[in-house]
Amino acid sequence: MRILLVDDNQSITTMMSKYLTIKGHDCTVSNDGRNGLSLIENLKFDVVLLDIAMPEFSGFDLIDALEKKGKLKEQKIIFFTASSVKNEQIEEYLKKGVHSCIRKPVQLETLLKAISG
């Protein structure tokens, strides 16, 4: 499975990409929301793992940009966050087309279930 991991925390992307690669997935990493958007627009991924809280261009900004371009429904996007985002805000994005949301610290079995589900 081709997975894009978008998170500004390089420690998280390094650890998760190694884990996902060991599990047999092809993992691409972006530590910047704008770059992540460009990758989504120009390449095909089976799943996008997207951090919500990133500086300058957040996960919400990325989702809003995809929605404006009519490309949100084409993606399987899983939010993950350690921030105190309200459940109502998460629900709003799930209604728009985000697949699911996982809270950090991410349980690896939960992550694998979300990717395959």
Protein backbone atom coordinates (compact mmCIF):
# COMPACT_ATOMS: atom_id res chain seq x y z
CA MET A 1 0.00 0.00 0.00
CA ARG A 2 1.29 3.50 -0.85
CA ILE A 3 1.08 5.74 2.20
CA LEU A 4 1.81 9.44 2.55
CA LEU A 5 2.70 10.58 6.05
CA VAL A 6 2.38 14.35 6.63
CA ASP A 7 3.59 15.59 10.03
CA ASP A 8 5.91 18.45 11.00
CA ASN A 9 7.56 16.32 13.71
CA GLN A 10 10.50 14.51 12.09
CA SER A 11 10.85 12.08 15.01
CA ILE A 12 7.29 10.89 14.43
CA THR A 13 7.65 10.62 10.65
CA THR A 14 10.95 8.74 10.95
CA MET A 15 9.56 6.23 13.44
CA MET A 16 6.23 5.73 11.68
CA SER A 17 7.73 5.44 8.19
CA LYS A 18 10.19 2.79 9.42
CA TYR A 19 7.36 0.87 11.10
CA LEU A 20 5.08 1.07 8.06
CA THR A 21 7.92 0.03 5.74
CA ILE A 22 8.65 -3.00 7.95
CA LYS A 23 4.94 -3.86 7.67
CA GLY A 24 5.32 -3.93 3.86
CA HIS A 25 4.03 -0.49 2.90
CA ASP A 26 5.62 2.05 0.56
CA CYS A 27 5.83 5.17 2.71
CA THR A 28 6.47 8.74 1.54
CA VAL A 29 7.08 11.46 4.13
CA SER A 30 6.42 15.19 4.12
CA ASN A 31 7.24 17.37 7.12
CA ASP A 32 5.34 20.33 5.67
CA GLY A 33 1.62 20.75 4.96
CA ARG A 34 2.05 22.62 1.66
CA ASN A 35 4.47 20.01 0.37
CA GLY A 36 2.04 17.31 1.49
CA LEU A 37 -0.72 18.97 -0.54
CA SER A 38 1.52 19.07 -3.60
CA LEU A 39 2.33 15.37 -3.22
CA ILE A 40 -1.36 14.48 -2.91
CA GLU A 41 -2.20 16.52 -6.01
CA ASN A 42 0.59 15.01 -8.12
CA LEU A 43 0.94 11.42 -6.95
CA LYS A 44 -1.45 8.60 -6.05
CA PHE A 45 -1.55 7.29 -2.49
CA ASP A 46 -3.79 4.61 -1.00
CA VAL A 47 -3.80 6.37 2.39
CA VAL A 48 -2.73 9.77 3.69
CA LEU A 49 -1.85 10.01 7.39
CA LEU A 50 -2.23 13.70 8.21
CA ASP A 51 -1.28 15.60 11.34
CA ILE A 52 -3.82 18.30 12.16
CA ALA A 53 -1.57 20.71 14.08
CA MET A 54 1.25 21.91 11.84
CA PRO A 55 2.68 25.44 11.65
CA GLU A 56 1.80 27.73 8.74
CA PHE A 57 -0.33 25.18 6.82
CA SER A 58 -2.27 22.81 9.07
CA GLY A 59 -3.99 19.55 8.31
CA PHE A 60 -7.26 21.47 8.28
CA ASP A 61 -5.80 23.88 5.69
CA LEU A 62 -4.73 20.93 3.54
CA ILE A 63 -8.21 19.35 3.73
CA ASP A 64 -9.88 22.68 2.91
CA ALA A 65 -7.61 23.11 -0.13
CA LEU A 66 -8.46 19.62 -1.40
CA GLU A 67 -12.17 20.26 -0.84
CA LYS A 68 -12.06 23.53 -2.80
CA LYS A 69 -10.41 21.70 -5.71
CA GLY A 70 -12.99 18.89 -5.56
CA LYS A 71 -10.31 16.31 -4.73
CA LEU A 72 -11.10 15.48 -1.11
CA LYS A 73 -13.37 12.52 -1.85
CA GLU A 74 -10.61 10.94 -3.99
CA GLN A 75 -8.38 10.46 -0.94
CA LYS A 76 -8.46 8.18 2.08
CA ILE A 77 -7.22 10.61 4.72
CA ILE A 78 -6.70 9.68 8.34
CA PHE A 79 -6.15 12.54 10.76
CA PHE A 80 -3.91 12.04 13.74
CA THR A 81 -3.39 14.58 16.43
CA ALA A 82 -2.09 15.24 19.91
CA SER A 83 -3.76 18.62 20.03
CA SER A 84 -6.90 19.40 21.95
CA VAL A 85 -9.09 19.59 18.87
CA LYS A 86 -12.75 19.44 19.80
CA ASN A 87 -14.73 16.37 18.77
CA GLU A 88 -17.23 18.64 16.99
CA GLN A 89 -14.48 19.96 14.73
CA ILE A 90 -13.29 16.43 13.96
CA GLU A 91 -16.88 15.39 13.17
CA GLU A 92 -17.19 18.31 10.73
CA TYR A 93 -14.18 17.05 8.78
CA LEU A 94 -15.36 13.45 8.89
CA LYS A 95 -18.60 14.64 7.25
CA LYS A 96 -16.56 16.41 4.57
CA GLY A 97 -14.81 13.17 3.68
CA VAL A 98 -11.93 12.54 6.07
CA HIS A 99 -11.87 8.79 6.75
CA SER A 100 -11.07 8.78 10.48
CA CYS A 101 -9.12 10.38 13.31
CA ILE A 102 -6.57 8.77 15.62
CA ARG A 103 -5.37 10.51 18.77
CA LYS A 104 -1.67 10.58 19.63
CA PRO A 105 0.09 8.75 21.08
CA VAL A 106 -0.86 6.42 18.25
CA GLN A 107 -1.36 2.78 19.12
CA LEU A 108 0.30 0.89 16.27
CA GLU A 109 -2.43 -1.75 16.05
CA THR A 110 -5.05 1.01 15.84
CA LEU A 111 -3.04 2.65 13.06
CA LEU A 112 -2.84 -0.60 11.06
CA LYS A 113 -6.60 -1.17 11.45
CA ALA A 114 -7.36 2.36 10.26
CA ILE A 115 -5.08 1.98 7.23
CA SER A 116 -6.63 -1.31 6.17
CA GLY A 117 -10.22 -0.41 7.08
